Amino acid sequence: MTLQQIIYAVKVAETKSINKAAAELYVSQPALSDAIGRLEKEINASIFTRSNKGIEITPEGEEFLYFARQIVNLQKSIYQRFL
């Protein structure tokens, strides 16, 4: 699991769309989907369910994102303080 994958998951959750998240992150939709898929495989849990209406966060995803948001916020704090 990489920090980048965590950032991607948080952004997908925020936008509720892989397409919108990809645009905001300046990555291609296939690259973002692949990164999320690899993350889900690594943690052995589905973070999102996908449909033609967008994404939904799973109960396991809610738990994962609780911690992921903390990591992203800490990363932002480090950048603000030291860069």
PDB file of N, CA and C in Angstrom:
ATOM      1  N   MET A   1       0.850  -1.168   0.000  1.00  0.00           N
ATOM      2  CA  MET A   1       0.000   0.000   0.000  1.00  0.00           C
ATOM      3  C   MET A   1       0.896   1.232   0.000  1.00  0.00           C
ATOM      4  N   THR A   2       0.567   2.153  -0.877  1.00  0.00           N
ATOM      5  CA  THR A   2       1.357   3.375  -0.962  1.00  0.00           C
ATOM      6  C   THR A   2       0.521   4.570  -0.516  1.00  0.00           C
ATOM      7  N   LEU A   3       1.218   5.629  -0.167  1.00  0.00           N
ATOM      8  CA  LEU A   3       0.529   6.872   0.181  1.00  0.00           C
ATOM      9  C   LEU A   3      -0.315   7.342  -0.999  1.00  0.00           C
ATOM     10  N   GLN A   4       0.205   7.168  -2.209  1.00  0.00           N
ATOM     11  CA  GLN A   4      -0.541   7.595  -3.397  1.00  0.00           C
ATOM     12  C   GLN A   4      -1.859   6.846  -3.515  1.00  0.00           C
ATOM     13  N   GLN A   5      -1.863   5.550  -3.263  1.00  0.00           N
ATOM     14  CA  GLN A   5      -3.099   4.778  -3.315  1.00  0.00           C
ATOM     15  C   GLN A   5      -4.090   5.263  -2.253  1.00  0.00           C
ATOM     16  N   ILE A   6      -3.592   5.593  -1.085  1.00  0.00           N
ATOM     17  CA  ILE A   6      -4.457   6.099  -0.017  1.00  0.00           C
ATOM     18  C   ILE A   6      -5.072   7.431  -0.427  1.00  0.00           C
ATOM     19  N   ILE A   7      -4.265   8.307  -0.990  1.00  0.00           N
ATOM     20  CA  ILE A   7      -4.767   9.599  -1.474  1.00  0.00           C
ATOM     21  C   ILE A   7      -5.829   9.378  -2.545  1.00  0.00           C
ATOM     22  N   TYR A   8      -5.574   8.455  -3.446  1.00  0.00           N
ATOM     23  CA  TYR A   8      -6.547   8.146  -4.499  1.00  0.00           C
ATOM     24  C   TYR A   8      -7.869   7.677  -3.899  1.00  0.00           C
ATOM     25  N   ALA A   9      -7.819   6.769  -2.941  1.00  0.00           N
ATOM     26  CA  ALA A   9      -9.044   6.239  -2.339  1.00  0.00           C
ATOM     27  C   ALA A   9      -9.844   7.343  -1.657  1.00  0.00           C
ATOM     28  N   VAL A  10      -9.157   8.217  -0.956  1.00  0.00           N
ATOM     29  CA  VAL A  10      -9.842   9.326  -0.277  1.00  0.00           C
ATOM     30  C   VAL A  10     -10.501  10.252  -1.298  1.00  0.00           C
ATOM     31  N   LYS A  11      -9.816  10.529  -2.386  1.00  0.00           N
ATOM     32  CA  LYS A  11     -10.382  11.420  -3.410  1.00  0.00           C
ATOM     33  C   LYS A  11     -11.595  10.780  -4.085  1.00  0.00           C
ATOM     34  N   VAL A  12     -11.528   9.484  -4.358  1.00  0.00           N
ATOM     35  CA  VAL A  12     -12.681   8.798  -4.946  1.00  0.00           C
ATOM     36  C   VAL A  12     -13.865   8.877  -3.990  1.00  0.00           C
ATOM     37  N   ALA A  13     -13.613   8.674  -2.710  1.00  0.00           N
ATOM     38  CA  ALA A  13     -14.684   8.761  -1.714  1.00  0.00           C
ATOM     39  C   ALA A  13     -15.266  10.175  -1.659  1.00  0.00           C
ATOM     40  N   GLU A  14     -14.401  11.176  -1.731  1.00  0.00           N
ATOM     41  CA  GLU A  14     -14.869  12.569  -1.685  1.00  0.00           C
ATOM     42  C   GLU A  14     -15.745  12.915  -2.882  1.00  0.00           C
ATOM     43  N   THR A  15     -15.321  12.499  -4.065  1.00  0.00           N
ATOM     44  CA  THR A  15     -16.035  12.864  -5.292  1.00  0.00           C
ATOM     45  C   THR A  15     -17.158  11.897  -5.637  1.00  0.00           C
ATOM     46  N   LYS A  16     -17.122  10.703  -5.019  1.00  0.00           N
ATOM     47  CA  LYS A  16     -18.085   9.641  -5.317  1.00  0.00           C
ATOM     48  C   LYS A  16     -18.082   9.248  -6.786  1.00  0.00           C
ATOM     49  N   SER A  17     -16.911   9.433  -7.424  1.00  0.00           N
ATOM     50  CA  SER A  17     -16.785   9.120  -8.846  1.00  0.00           C
ATOM     51  C   SER A  17     -15.317   8.891  -9.186  1.00  0.00           C
ATOM     52  N   ILE A  18     -15.056   7.780  -9.850  1.00  0.00           N
ATOM     53  CA  ILE A  18     -13.676   7.528 -10.282  1.00  0.00           C
ATOM     54  C   ILE A  18     -13.293   8.509 -11.380  1.00  0.00           C
ATOM     55  N   ASN A  19     -14.215   8.814 -12.285  1.00  0.00           N
ATOM     56  CA  ASN A  19     -13.914   9.763 -13.357  1.00  0.00           C
ATOM     57  C   ASN A  19     -13.592  11.155 -12.811  1.00  0.00           C
ATOM     58  N   LYS A  20     -14.410  11.649 -11.892  1.00  0.00           N
ATOM     59  CA  LYS A  20     -14.164  12.977 -11.314  1.00  0.00           C
ATOM     60  C   LYS A  20     -12.866  12.988 -10.516  1.00  0.00           C
ATOM     61  N   ALA A  21     -12.629  11.939  -9.753  1.00  0.00           N
ATOM     62  CA  ALA A  21     -11.393  11.857  -8.964  1.00  0.00           C
ATOM     63  C   ALA A  21     -10.181  11.841  -9.884  1.00  0.00           C
ATOM     64  N   ALA A  22     -10.264  11.077 -10.970  1.00  0.00           N
ATOM     65  CA  ALA A  22      -9.142  11.007 -11.911  1.00  0.00           C
ATOM     66  C   ALA A  22      -8.840  12.393 -12.488  1.00  0.00           C
ATOM     67  N   ALA A  23      -9.874  13.118 -12.849  1.00  0.00           N
ATOM     68  CA  ALA A  23      -9.681  14.461 -13.394  1.00  0.00           C
ATOM     69  C   ALA A  23      -9.041  15.389 -12.358  1.00  0.00           C
ATOM     70  N   GLU A  24      -9.513  15.329 -11.120  1.00  0.00           N
ATOM     71  CA  GLU A  24      -8.961  16.198 -10.072  1.00  0.00           C
ATOM     72  C   GLU A  24      -7.540  15.819  -9.686  1.00  0.00           C
ATOM     73  N   LEU A  25      -7.209  14.543  -9.854  1.00  0.00           N
ATOM     74  CA  LEU A  25      -5.862  14.064  -9.504  1.00  0.00           C
ATOM     75  C   LEU A  25      -4.901  14.113 -10.691  1.00  0.00           C
ATOM     76  N   TYR A  26      -5.414  14.484 -11.868  1.00  0.00           N
ATOM     77  CA  TYR A  26      -4.604  14.547 -13.086  1.00  0.00           C
ATOM     78  C   TYR A  26      -3.996  13.188 -13.433  1.00  0.00           C
ATOM     79  N   VAL A  27      -4.795  12.144 -13.315  1.00  0.00           N
ATOM     80  CA  VAL A  27      -4.396  10.805 -13.741  1.00  0.00           C
ATOM     81  C   VAL A  27      -5.498  10.252 -14.641  1.00  0.00           C
ATOM     82  N   SER A  28      -5.166   9.258 -15.425  1.00  0.00           N
ATOM     83  CA  SER A  28      -6.193   8.656 -16.280  1.00  0.00           C
ATOM     84  C   SER A  28      -7.128   7.808 -15.436  1.00  0.00           C
ATOM     85  N   GLN A  29      -8.344   7.667 -15.913  1.00  0.00           N
ATOM     86  CA  GLN A  29      -9.328   6.853 -15.206  1.00  0.00           C
ATOM     87  C   GLN A  29      -8.867   5.400 -15.095  1.00  0.00           C
ATOM     88  N   PRO A  30      -8.307   4.807 -16.174  1.00  0.00           N
ATOM     89  CA  PRO A  30      -7.836   3.424 -16.035  1.00  0.00           C
ATOM     90  C   PRO A  30      -6.710   3.272 -15.005  1.00  0.00           C
ATOM     91  N   ALA A  31      -5.810   4.247 -14.943  1.00  0.00           N
ATOM     92  CA  ALA A  31      -4.719   4.181 -13.968  1.00  0.00           C
ATOM     93  C   ALA A  31      -5.259   4.270 -12.543  1.00  0.00           C
ATOM     94  N   LEU A  32      -6.236   5.137 -12.334  1.00  0.00           N
ATOM     95  CA  LEU A  32      -6.832   5.274 -11.007  1.00  0.00           C
ATOM     96  C   LEU A  32      -7.595   4.004 -10.617  1.00  0.00           C
ATOM     97  N   SER A  33      -8.380   3.481 -11.535  1.00  0.00           N
ATOM     98  CA  SER A  33      -9.118   2.241 -11.269  1.00  0.00           C
ATOM     99  C   SER A  33      -8.165   1.105 -10.942  1.00  0.00           C
ATOM    100  N   ASP A  34      -7.073   1.021 -11.681  1.00  0.00           N
ATOM    101  CA  ASP A  34      -6.076  -0.019 -11.436  1.00  0.00           C
ATOM    102  C   ASP A  34      -5.454   0.133 -10.051  1.00  0.00           C
ATOM    103  N   ALA A  35      -5.100   1.357  -9.684  1.00  0.00           N
ATOM    104  CA  ALA A  35      -4.491   1.603  -8.374  1.00  0.00           C
ATOM    105  C   ALA A  35      -5.444   1.239  -7.240  1.00  0.00           C
ATOM    106  N   ILE A  36      -6.712   1.590  -7.391  1.00  0.00           N
ATOM    107  CA  ILE A  36      -7.708   1.256  -6.370  1.00  0.00           C
ATOM    108  C   ILE A  36      -7.896  -0.263  -6.314  1.00  0.00           C
ATOM    109  N   GLY A  37      -7.946  -0.898  -7.460  1.00  0.00           N
ATOM    110  CA  GLY A  37      -8.092  -2.344  -7.503  1.00  0.00           C
ATOM    111  C   GLY A  37      -6.936  -3.063  -6.828  1.00  0.00           C
ATOM    112  N   ARG A  38      -5.711  -2.585  -7.077  1.00  0.00           N
ATOM    113  CA  ARG A  38      -4.537  -3.182  -6.437  1.00  0.00           C
ATOM    114  C   ARG A  38      -4.570  -2.962  -4.924  1.00  0.00           C
ATOM    115  N   LEU A  39      -5.017  -1.782  -4.496  1.00  0.00           N
ATOM    116  CA  LEU A  39      -5.135  -1.498  -3.067  1.00  0.00           C
ATOM    117  C   LEU A  39      -6.150  -2.435  -2.424  1.00  0.00           C
ATOM    118  N   GLU A  40      -7.306  -2.575  -3.048  1.00  0.00           N
ATOM    119  CA  GLU A  40      -8.338  -3.459  -2.506  1.00  0.00           C
ATOM    120  C   GLU A  40      -7.843  -4.904  -2.428  1.00  0.00           C
ATOM    121  N   LYS A  41      -7.108  -5.322  -3.436  1.00  0.00           N
ATOM    122  CA  LYS A  41      -6.562  -6.684  -3.427  1.00  0.00           C
ATOM    123  C   LYS A  41      -5.556  -6.846  -2.289  1.00  0.00           C
ATOM    124  N   GLU A  42      -4.711  -5.843  -2.106  1.00  0.00           N
ATOM    125  CA  GLU A  42      -3.691  -5.906  -1.063  1.00  0.00           C
ATOM    126  C   GLU A  42      -4.301  -5.969   0.337  1.00  0.00           C
ATOM    127  N   ILE A  43      -5.338  -5.187   0.575  1.00  0.00           N
ATOM    128  CA  ILE A  43      -5.949  -5.182   1.908  1.00  0.00           C
ATOM    129  C   ILE A  43      -7.034  -6.250   2.038  1.00  0.00           C
ATOM    130  N   ASN A  44      -7.279  -6.953   0.935  1.00  0.00           N
ATOM    131  CA  ASN A  44      -8.263  -8.045   0.914  1.00  0.00           C
ATOM    132  C   ASN A  44      -9.653  -7.564   1.354  1.00  0.00           C
ATOM    133  N   ALA A  45     -10.039  -6.421   0.820  1.00  0.00           N
ATOM    134  CA  ALA A  45     -11.344  -5.839   1.148  1.00  0.00           C
ATOM    135  C   ALA A  45     -11.775  -4.922   0.006  1.00  0.00           C
ATOM    136  N   SER A  46     -13.068  -4.875  -0.231  1.00  0.00           N
ATOM    137  CA  SER A  46     -13.614  -3.935  -1.209  1.00  0.00           C
ATOM    138  C   SER A  46     -13.898  -2.618  -0.506  1.00  0.00           C
ATOM    139  N   ILE A  47     -13.295  -1.568  -1.012  1.00  0.00           N
ATOM    140  CA  ILE A  47     -13.536  -0.238  -0.457  1.00  0.00           C
ATOM    141  C   ILE A  47     -14.785   0.357  -1.092  1.00  0.00           C
ATOM    142  N   PHE A  48     -14.950   0.103  -2.375  1.00  0.00           N
ATOM    143  CA  PHE A  48     -16.062   0.656  -3.146  1.00  0.00           C
ATOM    144  C   PHE A  48     -16.784  -0.448  -3.902  1.00  0.00           C
ATOM    145  N   THR A  49     -18.079  -0.241  -4.116  1.00  0.00           N
ATOM    146  CA  THR A  49     -18.805  -1.022  -5.111  1.00  0.00           C
ATOM    147  C   THR A  49     -19.040  -0.083  -6.278  1.00  0.00           C
ATOM    148  N   ARG A  50     -18.905  -0.603  -7.470  1.00  0.00           N
ATOM    149  CA  ARG A  50     -19.014   0.213  -8.665  1.00  0.00           C
ATOM    150  C   ARG A  50     -20.285  -0.153  -9.425  1.00  0.00           C
ATOM    151  N   SER A  51     -20.935   0.875  -9.979  1.00  0.00           N
ATOM    152  CA  SER A  51     -22.100   0.654 -10.828  1.00  0.00           C
ATOM    153  C   SER A  51     -22.140   1.756 -11.879  1.00  0.00           C
ATOM    154  N   ASN A  52     -23.103   1.674 -12.777  1.00  0.00           N
ATOM    155  CA  ASN A  52     -23.213   2.726 -13.786  1.00  0.00           C
ATOM    156  C   ASN A  52     -23.661   4.054 -13.189  1.00  0.00           C
ATOM    157  N   LYS A  53     -24.088   4.049 -11.925  1.00  0.00           N
ATOM    158  CA  LYS A  53     -24.493   5.286 -11.237  1.00  0.00           C
ATOM    159  C   LYS A  53     -23.347   5.897 -10.434  1.00  0.00           C
ATOM    160  N   GLY A  54     -22.204   5.242 -10.449  1.00  0.00           N
ATOM    161  CA  GLY A  54     -21.070   5.755  -9.694  1.00  0.00           C
ATOM    162  C   GLY A  54     -20.576   4.725  -8.704  1.00  0.00           C
ATOM    163  N   ILE A  55     -20.061   5.182  -7.595  1.00  0.00           N
ATOM    164  CA  ILE A  55     -19.517   4.275  -6.595  1.00  0.00           C
ATOM    165  C   ILE A  55     -20.260   4.445  -5.273  1.00  0.00           C
ATOM    166  N   GLU A  56     -20.232   3.392  -4.509  1.00  0.00           N
ATOM    167  CA  GLU A  56     -20.749   3.409  -3.144  1.00  0.00           C
ATOM    168  C   GLU A  56     -19.629   2.901  -2.248  1.00  0.00           C
ATOM    169  N   ILE A  57     -19.542   3.439  -1.059  1.00  0.00           N
ATOM    170  CA  ILE A  57     -18.524   3.003  -0.113  1.00  0.00           C
ATOM    171  C   ILE A  57     -19.081   1.822   0.674  1.00  0.00           C
ATOM    172  N   THR A  58     -18.300   0.754   0.750  1.00  0.00           N
ATOM    173  CA  THR A  58     -18.721  -0.429   1.502  1.00  0.00           C
ATOM    174  C   THR A  58     -18.493  -0.190   2.992  1.00  0.00           C
ATOM    175  N   PRO A  59     -19.087  -1.015   3.847  1.00  0.00           N
ATOM    176  CA  PRO A  59     -18.801  -0.891   5.288  1.00  0.00           C
ATOM    177  C   PRO A  59     -17.304  -1.039   5.594  1.00  0.00           C
ATOM    178  N   GLU A  60     -16.643  -1.994   4.936  1.00  0.00           N
ATOM    179  CA  GLU A  60     -15.187  -2.120   5.119  1.00  0.00           C
ATOM    180  C   GLU A  60     -14.477  -0.882   4.610  1.00  0.00           C
ATOM    181  N   GLY A  61     -15.005  -0.326   3.514  1.00  0.00           N
ATOM    182  CA  GLY A  61     -14.434   0.891   2.953  1.00  0.00           C
ATOM    183  C   GLY A  61     -14.533   2.058   3.915  1.00  0.00           C
ATOM    184  N   GLU A  62     -15.660   2.166   4.605  1.00  0.00           N
ATOM    185  CA  GLU A  62     -15.828   3.238   5.595  1.00  0.00           C
ATOM    186  C   GLU A  62     -14.758   3.130   6.678  1.00  0.00           C
ATOM    187  N   GLU A  63     -14.509   1.906   7.130  1.00  0.00           N
ATOM    188  CA  GLU A  63     -13.487   1.706   8.157  1.00  0.00           C
ATOM    189  C   GLU A  63     -12.106   2.059   7.622  1.00  0.00           C
ATOM    190  N   PHE A  64     -11.788   1.591   6.421  1.00  0.00           N
ATOM    191  CA  PHE A  64     -10.504   1.908   5.810  1.00  0.00           C
ATOM    192  C   PHE A  64     -10.350   3.413   5.641  1.00  0.00           C
ATOM    193  N   LEU A  65     -11.387   4.055   5.119  1.00  0.00           N
ATOM    194  CA  LEU A  65     -11.312   5.494   4.838  1.00  0.00           C
ATOM    195  C   LEU A  65     -11.203   6.332   6.103  1.00  0.00           C
ATOM    196  N   TYR A  66     -11.718   5.843   7.211  1.00  0.00           N
ATOM    197  CA  TYR A  66     -11.549   6.541   8.484  1.00  0.00           C
ATOM    198  C   TYR A  66     -10.065   6.756   8.769  1.00  0.00           C
ATOM    199  N   PHE A  67      -9.298   5.698   8.617  1.00  0.00           N
ATOM    200  CA  PHE A  67      -7.856   5.787   8.856  1.00  0.00           C
ATOM    201  C   PHE A  67      -7.137   6.496   7.707  1.00  0.00           C
ATOM    202  N   ALA A  68      -7.583   6.239   6.488  1.00  0.00           N
ATOM    203  CA  ALA A  68      -6.942   6.845   5.316  1.00  0.00           C
ATOM    204  C   ALA A  68      -7.045   8.369   5.362  1.00  0.00           C
ATOM    205  N   ARG A  69      -8.184   8.891   5.775  1.00  0.00           N
ATOM    206  CA  ARG A  69      -8.355  10.349   5.869  1.00  0.00           C
ATOM    207  C   ARG A  69      -7.393  10.947   6.904  1.00  0.00           C
ATOM    208  N   GLN A  70      -7.168  10.221   7.982  1.00  0.00           N
ATOM    209  CA  GLN A  70      -6.211  10.697   8.989  1.00  0.00           C
ATOM    210  C   GLN A  70      -4.811  10.776   8.398  1.00  0.00           C
ATOM    211  N   ILE A  71      -4.437   9.767   7.620  1.00  0.00           N
ATOM    212  CA  ILE A  71      -3.113   9.755   6.986  1.00  0.00           C
ATOM    213  C   ILE A  71      -2.982  10.923   6.019  1.00  0.00           C
ATOM    214  N   VAL A  72      -4.008  11.137   5.203  1.00  0.00           N
ATOM    215  CA  VAL A  72      -3.974  12.239   4.234  1.00  0.00           C
ATOM    216  C   VAL A  72      -3.888  13.580   4.952  1.00  0.00           C
ATOM    217  N   ASN A  73      -4.635  13.747   6.029  1.00  0.00           N
ATOM    218  CA  ASN A  73      -4.583  15.002   6.787  1.00  0.00           C
ATOM    219  C   ASN A  73      -3.211  15.222   7.423  1.00  0.00           C
ATOM    220  N   LEU A  74      -2.609  14.157   7.928  1.00  0.00           N
ATOM    221  CA  LEU A  74      -1.259  14.277   8.486  1.00  0.00           C
ATOM    222  C   LEU A  74      -0.250  14.638   7.412  1.00  0.00           C
ATOM    223  N   GLN A  75      -0.391  14.042   6.251  1.00  0.00           N
ATOM    224  CA  GLN A  75       0.509  14.360   5.142  1.00  0.00           C
ATOM    225  C   GLN A  75       0.392  15.834   4.755  1.00  0.00           C
ATOM    226  N   LYS A  76      -0.835  16.345   4.704  1.00  0.00           N
ATOM    227  CA  LYS A  76      -1.048  17.756   4.385  1.00  0.00           C
ATOM    228  C   LYS A  76      -0.419  18.647   5.457  1.00  0.00           C
ATOM    229  N   SER A  77      -0.545  18.250   6.704  1.00  0.00           N
ATOM    230  CA  SER A  77       0.047  19.023   7.801  1.00  0.00           C
ATOM    231  C   SER A  77       1.564  19.076   7.689  1.00  0.00           C
ATOM    232  N   ILE A  78       2.168  17.974   7.339  1.00  0.00           N
ATOM    233  CA  ILE A  78       3.624  17.941   7.165  1.00  0.00           C
ATOM    234  C   ILE A  78       4.041  18.873   6.046  1.00  0.00           C
ATOM    235  N   TYR A  79       3.327  18.825   4.911  1.00  0.00           N
ATOM    236  CA  TYR A  79       3.664  19.715   3.805  1.00  0.00           C
ATOM    237  C   TYR A  79       3.503  21.176   4.192  1.00  0.00           C
ATOM    238  N   GLN A  80       2.427  21.492   4.910  1.00  0.00           N
ATOM    239  CA  GLN A  80       2.221  22.881   5.312  1.00  0.00           C
ATOM    240  C   GLN A  80       3.296  23.353   6.266  1.00  0.00           C
ATOM    241  N   ARG A  81       3.734  22.495   7.124  1.00  0.00           N
ATOM    242  CA  ARG A  81       4.718  22.883   8.135  1.00  0.00           C
ATOM    243  C   ARG A  81       6.138  22.960   7.592  1.00  0.00           C
ATOM    244  N   PHE A  82       6.495  22.008   6.738  1.00  0.00           N
ATOM    245  CA  PHE A  82       7.902  21.892   6.359  1.00  0.00           C
ATOM    246  C   PHE A  82       8.215  22.240   4.917  1.00  0.00           C
ATOM    247  N   LEU A  83       7.214  22.473   4.093  1.00  0.00           N
ATOM    248  CA  LEU A  83       7.517  22.794   2.686  1.00  0.00           C
ATOM    249  C   LEU A  83       6.973  24.134   2.297  1.00  0.00           C
TER     250      LEU A  83
END
